[in-house]
Amino acid sequence: MRKNLAQLRALHASAWAPRVESGEGGSRAIAKKVPAQIVQNGILGAFAFALEGNKGHLSVFKGVIDHFDLLRKEGFDFDVSSTEPEAFFRELCGKSSDVLRAVTDETMEYLNYLRRFVH
């Protein structure tokens, strides 16, 4: 039986949550900040901030990347295949608006689960 996106999001987020690194205010605060950053600055802006050396934020994006890798393996194609943060970011920079929108939407849905599991 093939799992649906909601099941895959929940399973992955619950497993990834312990890997979210603490930042100012703790790891739960980081998991809550990233979606707000995406809304304010777009996924590329928020991702760029994480790549600047913000370890807690980057650990959230590493979870997002790992989630997309799992989705690809499960047969859900979002037209992204890189598994390293810098390569994933560069790949997103070259995608169409439609792909960016789909990746952003899925990322936000995934982060709704992740922030609930992070303590």
N, C-alpha and C. Protein backbone atom coordinates (compact mmCIF):
# COMPACT_ATOMS: atom_id res chain seq x y z
N MET A 1 0.84 -1.18 0.00
CA MET A 1 0.00 0.00 0.00
C MET A 1 0.89 1.25 0.00
N ARG A 2 0.63 2.14 -0.90
CA ARG A 2 1.38 3.39 -1.01
C ARG A 2 0.86 4.40 0.01
N LYS A 3 1.78 5.02 0.73
CA LYS A 3 1.40 6.04 1.71
C LYS A 3 1.10 7.34 0.98
N ASN A 4 0.19 8.14 1.55
CA ASN A 4 -0.10 9.43 0.95
C ASN A 4 0.86 10.49 1.49
N LEU A 5 0.81 11.69 0.93
CA LEU A 5 1.73 12.74 1.33
C LEU A 5 1.63 13.08 2.82
N ALA A 6 0.44 13.15 3.36
CA ALA A 6 0.28 13.48 4.77
C ALA A 6 0.95 12.43 5.66
N GLN A 7 0.81 11.18 5.31
CA GLN A 7 1.45 10.11 6.08
C GLN A 7 2.97 10.22 6.01
N LEU A 8 3.48 10.47 4.81
CA LEU A 8 4.92 10.59 4.64
C LEU A 8 5.47 11.81 5.39
N ARG A 9 4.74 12.92 5.34
CA ARG A 9 5.17 14.11 6.07
C ARG A 9 5.25 13.83 7.57
N ALA A 10 4.20 13.25 8.11
CA ALA A 10 4.14 12.99 9.55
C ALA A 10 5.23 12.02 9.99
N LEU A 11 5.40 10.94 9.25
CA LEU A 11 6.42 9.95 9.60
C LEU A 11 7.82 10.54 9.55
N HIS A 12 8.10 11.26 8.49
CA HIS A 12 9.43 11.84 8.35
C HIS A 12 9.67 12.91 9.42
N ALA A 13 8.72 13.78 9.63
CA ALA A 13 8.89 14.86 10.61
C ALA A 13 9.11 14.32 12.02
N SER A 14 8.38 13.28 12.37
CA SER A 14 8.55 12.71 13.71
C SER A 14 9.94 12.10 13.87
N ALA A 15 10.48 11.53 12.80
CA ALA A 15 11.81 10.93 12.86
C ALA A 15 12.91 12.00 12.80
N TRP A 16 12.67 13.09 12.07
CA TRP A 16 13.68 14.13 11.89
C TRP A 16 13.74 15.08 13.09
N ALA A 17 12.69 15.27 13.81
CA ALA A 17 12.60 16.27 14.88
C ALA A 17 13.78 16.26 15.84
N PRO A 18 14.26 15.11 16.30
CA PRO A 18 15.40 15.13 17.23
C PRO A 18 16.69 15.68 16.61
N ARG A 19 16.74 15.77 15.29
CA ARG A 19 17.94 16.24 14.60
C ARG A 19 17.96 17.75 14.39
N VAL A 20 16.87 18.44 14.74
CA VAL A 20 16.83 19.89 14.61
C VAL A 20 17.72 20.48 15.70
N GLU A 21 18.70 21.26 15.26
CA GLU A 21 19.65 21.84 16.21
C GLU A 21 19.07 23.06 16.90
N SER A 22 19.51 23.27 18.11
CA SER A 22 19.04 24.42 18.87
C SER A 22 19.68 25.70 18.37
N GLY A 23 18.91 26.73 18.47
CA GLY A 23 19.41 28.07 18.19
C GLY A 23 18.92 28.95 19.32
N GLU A 24 18.88 30.22 19.08
CA GLU A 24 18.37 31.13 20.10
C GLU A 24 16.91 30.80 20.38
N GLY A 25 16.60 30.48 21.62
CA GLY A 25 15.24 30.12 21.99
C GLY A 25 14.97 28.63 21.91
N GLY A 26 15.97 27.84 21.51
CA GLY A 26 15.80 26.40 21.44
C GLY A 26 15.37 25.92 20.07
N SER A 27 15.38 24.60 19.90
CA SER A 27 15.07 24.02 18.60
C SER A 27 13.61 24.22 18.21
N ARG A 28 12.70 24.25 19.18
CA ARG A 28 11.29 24.49 18.85
C ARG A 28 11.10 25.89 18.26
N ALA A 29 11.80 26.85 18.81
CA ALA A 29 11.72 28.21 18.28
C ALA A 29 12.23 28.27 16.84
N ILE A 30 13.31 27.54 16.57
CA ILE A 30 13.85 27.51 15.21
C ILE A 30 12.83 26.91 14.25
N ALA A 31 12.23 25.80 14.64
CA ALA A 31 11.24 25.13 13.78
C ALA A 31 10.04 26.03 13.52
N LYS A 32 9.73 26.93 14.43
CA LYS A 32 8.62 27.87 14.23
C LYS A 32 9.04 29.07 13.39
N LYS A 33 10.31 29.45 13.45
CA LYS A 33 10.78 30.63 12.72
C LYS A 33 10.90 30.39 11.22
N VAL A 34 11.31 29.20 10.84
CA VAL A 34 11.57 28.94 9.42
C VAL A 34 10.33 29.15 8.55
N PRO A 35 9.15 28.63 8.92
CA PRO A 35 7.98 28.91 8.08
C PRO A 35 7.67 30.40 7.95
N ALA A 36 7.84 31.16 9.02
CA ALA A 36 7.61 32.61 8.96
C ALA A 36 8.62 33.27 8.03
N GLN A 37 9.86 32.80 8.06
CA GLN A 37 10.87 33.34 7.15
C GLN A 37 10.52 33.05 5.70
N ILE A 38 10.00 31.85 5.45
CA ILE A 38 9.60 31.50 4.09
C ILE A 38 8.47 32.40 3.62
N VAL A 39 7.50 32.64 4.47
CA VAL A 39 6.38 33.52 4.10
C VAL A 39 6.89 34.93 3.81
N GLN A 40 7.80 35.43 4.63
CA GLN A 40 8.31 36.80 4.47
C GLN A 40 9.27 36.94 3.30
N ASN A 41 10.18 35.98 3.14
CA ASN A 41 11.29 36.14 2.20
C ASN A 41 11.30 35.15 1.05
N GLY A 42 10.34 34.24 1.02
CA GLY A 42 10.34 33.19 0.02
C GLY A 42 11.27 32.08 0.43
N ILE A 43 11.12 30.95 -0.21
CA ILE A 43 11.93 29.79 0.17
C ILE A 43 13.41 30.02 -0.11
N LEU A 44 13.72 30.72 -1.19
CA LEU A 44 15.13 30.96 -1.51
C LEU A 44 15.78 31.89 -0.50
N GLY A 45 15.07 32.93 -0.09
CA GLY A 45 15.61 33.85 0.91
C GLY A 45 15.82 33.19 2.25
N ALA A 46 14.85 32.38 2.68
CA ALA A 46 14.98 31.68 3.95
C ALA A 46 16.10 30.65 3.89
N PHE A 47 16.21 29.98 2.77
CA PHE A 47 17.25 28.97 2.59
C PHE A 47 18.63 29.65 2.59
N ALA A 48 18.75 30.79 1.92
CA ALA A 48 20.02 31.52 1.88
C ALA A 48 20.44 31.92 3.29
N PHE A 49 19.49 32.36 4.10
CA PHE A 49 19.77 32.70 5.50
C PHE A 49 20.34 31.48 6.24
N ALA A 50 19.75 30.33 6.03
CA ALA A 50 20.21 29.11 6.68
C ALA A 50 21.62 28.76 6.23
N LEU A 51 21.90 28.96 4.96
CA LEU A 51 23.22 28.62 4.43
C LEU A 51 24.32 29.56 4.91
N GLU A 52 23.95 30.71 5.44
CA GLU A 52 24.93 31.68 5.95
C GLU A 52 25.62 31.19 7.22
N GLY A 53 25.23 30.05 7.73
CA GLY A 53 25.87 29.53 8.93
C GLY A 53 24.93 29.46 10.12
N ASN A 54 23.66 29.57 9.89
CA ASN A 54 22.67 29.48 10.95
C ASN A 54 22.30 28.01 11.12
N LYS A 55 23.04 27.32 11.99
CA LYS A 55 22.97 25.87 12.11
C LYS A 55 21.57 25.33 12.41
N GLY A 56 20.85 25.99 13.29
CA GLY A 56 19.50 25.52 13.62
C GLY A 56 18.60 25.58 12.40
N HIS A 57 18.66 26.69 11.69
CA HIS A 57 17.85 26.85 10.48
C HIS A 57 18.27 25.85 9.41
N LEU A 58 19.57 25.66 9.28
CA LEU A 58 20.07 24.72 8.27
C LEU A 58 19.62 23.30 8.59
N SER A 59 19.57 22.95 9.88
CA SER A 59 19.13 21.59 10.24
C SER A 59 17.67 21.38 9.84
N VAL A 60 16.86 22.43 9.89
CA VAL A 60 15.47 22.33 9.43
C VAL A 60 15.45 22.11 7.92
N PHE A 61 16.25 22.87 7.19
CA PHE A 61 16.29 22.70 5.73
C PHE A 61 16.88 21.36 5.33
N LYS A 62 17.81 20.84 6.10
CA LYS A 62 18.32 19.49 5.81
C LYS A 62 17.19 18.47 5.95
N GLY A 63 16.31 18.69 6.92
CA GLY A 63 15.14 17.83 7.05
C GLY A 63 14.22 17.95 5.86
N VAL A 64 14.03 19.17 5.38
CA VAL A 64 13.20 19.40 4.19
C VAL A 64 13.79 18.66 2.99
N ILE A 65 15.09 18.78 2.81
CA ILE A 65 15.76 18.12 1.69
C ILE A 65 15.61 16.61 1.80
N ASP A 66 15.81 16.09 2.99
CA ASP A 66 15.67 14.65 3.20
C ASP A 66 14.24 14.20 2.94
N HIS A 67 13.29 15.04 3.31
CA HIS A 67 11.87 14.75 3.04
C HIS A 67 11.62 14.66 1.53
N PHE A 68 12.15 15.60 0.76
CA PHE A 68 11.97 15.55 -0.69
C PHE A 68 12.65 14.33 -1.30
N ASP A 69 13.77 13.93 -0.73
CA ASP A 69 14.44 12.71 -1.19
C ASP A 69 13.54 11.49 -0.95
N LEU A 70 12.94 11.43 0.22
CA LEU A 70 12.00 10.35 0.53
C LEU A 70 10.81 10.37 -0.43
N LEU A 71 10.26 11.56 -0.67
CA LEU A 71 9.11 11.66 -1.59
C LEU A 71 9.47 11.15 -2.98
N ARG A 72 10.66 11.51 -3.45
CA ARG A 72 11.09 11.05 -4.78
C ARG A 72 11.17 9.53 -4.81
N LYS A 73 11.72 8.95 -3.75
CA LYS A 73 11.83 7.49 -3.67
C LYS A 73 10.47 6.81 -3.59
N GLU A 74 9.48 7.52 -3.06
CA GLU A 74 8.12 6.99 -2.94
C GLU A 74 7.27 7.27 -4.20
N GLY A 75 7.86 7.93 -5.19
CA GLY A 75 7.17 8.16 -6.46
C GLY A 75 6.50 9.51 -6.61
N PHE A 76 6.76 10.44 -5.69
CA PHE A 76 6.22 11.80 -5.81
C PHE A 76 7.31 12.68 -6.39
N ASP A 77 7.06 13.27 -7.55
CA ASP A 77 8.09 14.04 -8.25
C ASP A 77 7.84 15.54 -8.10
N PHE A 78 8.77 16.21 -7.45
CA PHE A 78 8.72 17.67 -7.33
C PHE A 78 9.80 18.34 -8.16
N ASP A 79 10.45 17.57 -9.03
CA ASP A 79 11.47 18.06 -9.95
C ASP A 79 12.68 18.65 -9.23
N VAL A 80 13.01 18.09 -8.07
CA VAL A 80 14.26 18.43 -7.38
C VAL A 80 14.90 17.11 -6.95
N SER A 81 16.23 17.02 -7.12
CA SER A 81 16.87 15.75 -6.82
C SER A 81 18.12 15.87 -5.96
N SER A 82 18.64 17.06 -5.77
CA SER A 82 19.85 17.23 -4.98
C SER A 82 19.59 16.87 -3.52
N THR A 83 20.61 16.33 -2.88
CA THR A 83 20.47 15.93 -1.48
C THR A 83 21.42 16.69 -0.54
N GLU A 84 22.23 17.57 -1.08
CA GLU A 84 23.11 18.42 -0.28
C GLU A 84 22.55 19.85 -0.28
N PRO A 85 22.62 20.54 0.85
CA PRO A 85 21.99 21.87 0.95
C PRO A 85 22.39 22.87 -0.14
N GLU A 86 23.67 23.04 -0.38
CA GLU A 86 24.10 24.03 -1.38
C GLU A 86 23.62 23.64 -2.78
N ALA A 87 23.71 22.36 -3.11
CA ALA A 87 23.27 21.88 -4.42
C ALA A 87 21.75 22.00 -4.56
N PHE A 88 21.02 21.70 -3.50
CA PHE A 88 19.56 21.82 -3.51
C PHE A 88 19.17 23.28 -3.75
N PHE A 89 19.85 24.20 -3.05
CA PHE A 89 19.59 25.63 -3.22
C PHE A 89 19.85 26.07 -4.66
N ARG A 90 21.01 25.68 -5.20
CA ARG A 90 21.33 26.05 -6.58
C ARG A 90 20.33 25.45 -7.56
N GLU A 91 19.90 24.22 -7.30
CA GLU A 91 18.91 23.59 -8.17
C GLU A 91 17.60 24.39 -8.14
N LEU A 92 17.16 24.79 -6.95
CA LEU A 92 15.92 25.58 -6.84
C LEU A 92 16.05 26.91 -7.58
N CYS A 93 17.24 27.51 -7.54
CA CYS A 93 17.45 28.79 -8.22
C CYS A 93 17.23 28.69 -9.73
N GLY A 94 17.37 27.50 -10.28
CA GLY A 94 17.20 27.32 -11.71
C GLY A 94 15.83 26.80 -12.14
N LYS A 95 14.93 26.65 -11.19
CA LYS A 95 13.61 26.08 -11.50
C LYS A 95 12.59 27.16 -11.86
N SER A 96 11.52 26.73 -12.49
CA SER A 96 10.44 27.64 -12.87
C SER A 96 9.65 28.08 -11.64
N SER A 97 8.84 29.10 -11.82
CA SER A 97 7.98 29.58 -10.74
C SER A 97 7.03 28.49 -10.26
N ASP A 98 6.54 27.68 -11.20
CA ASP A 98 5.62 26.60 -10.83
C ASP A 98 6.29 25.58 -9.91
N VAL A 99 7.53 25.23 -10.21
CA VAL A 99 8.26 24.28 -9.38
C VAL A 99 8.55 24.90 -8.01
N LEU A 100 8.99 26.16 -8.00
CA LEU A 100 9.25 26.84 -6.73
C LEU A 100 8.00 26.89 -5.86
N ARG A 101 6.87 27.17 -6.48
CA ARG A 101 5.60 27.23 -5.74
C ARG A 101 5.25 25.86 -5.17
N ALA A 102 5.41 24.81 -5.96
CA ALA A 102 5.10 23.45 -5.49
C ALA A 102 6.04 23.04 -4.36
N VAL A 103 7.32 23.35 -4.51
CA VAL A 103 8.29 23.02 -3.46
C VAL A 103 8.00 23.82 -2.20
N THR A 104 7.67 25.09 -2.35
CA THR A 104 7.32 25.93 -1.19
C THR A 104 6.09 25.39 -0.49
N ASP A 105 5.07 25.07 -1.24
CA ASP A 105 3.82 24.54 -0.64
C ASP A 105 4.08 23.25 0.12
N GLU A 106 4.83 22.34 -0.48
CA GLU A 106 5.13 21.06 0.19
C GLU A 106 6.01 21.29 1.42
N THR A 107 6.96 22.20 1.30
CA THR A 107 7.82 22.52 2.45
C THR A 107 6.99 23.04 3.61
N MET A 108 6.06 23.94 3.33
CA MET A 108 5.22 24.50 4.40
C MET A 108 4.34 23.42 5.03
N GLU A 109 3.80 22.53 4.22
CA GLU A 109 2.99 21.43 4.75
C GLU A 109 3.84 20.53 5.65
N TYR A 110 5.06 20.24 5.20
CA TYR A 110 5.97 19.41 5.99
C TYR A 110 6.33 20.10 7.30
N LEU A 111 6.62 21.39 7.24
CA LEU A 111 7.03 22.12 8.44
C LEU A 111 5.89 22.22 9.46
N ASN A 112 4.65 22.15 9.00
CA ASN A 112 3.52 22.11 9.95
C ASN A 112 3.63 20.90 10.86
N TYR A 113 4.11 19.79 10.33
CA TYR A 113 4.32 18.59 11.15
C TYR A 113 5.59 18.72 11.98
N LEU A 114 6.68 19.13 11.35
CA LEU A 114 7.97 19.16 12.04
C LEU A 114 7.92 20.03 13.29
N ARG A 115 7.31 21.20 13.19
CA ARG A 115 7.29 22.08 14.36
C ARG A 115 6.48 21.50 15.51
N ARG A 116 5.58 20.60 15.23
CA ARG A 116 4.81 19.95 16.30
C ARG A 116 5.61 18.87 17.03
N PHE A 117 6.57 18.27 16.32
CA PHE A 117 7.36 17.19 16.91
C PHE A 117 8.63 17.66 17.60
N VAL A 118 9.11 18.85 17.24
CA VAL A 118 10.35 19.37 17.83
C VAL A 118 10.07 19.86 19.25
N HIS A 119 10.97 19.54 20.16
CA HIS A 119 10.80 19.96 21.57
C HIS A 119 11.87 20.92 21.98
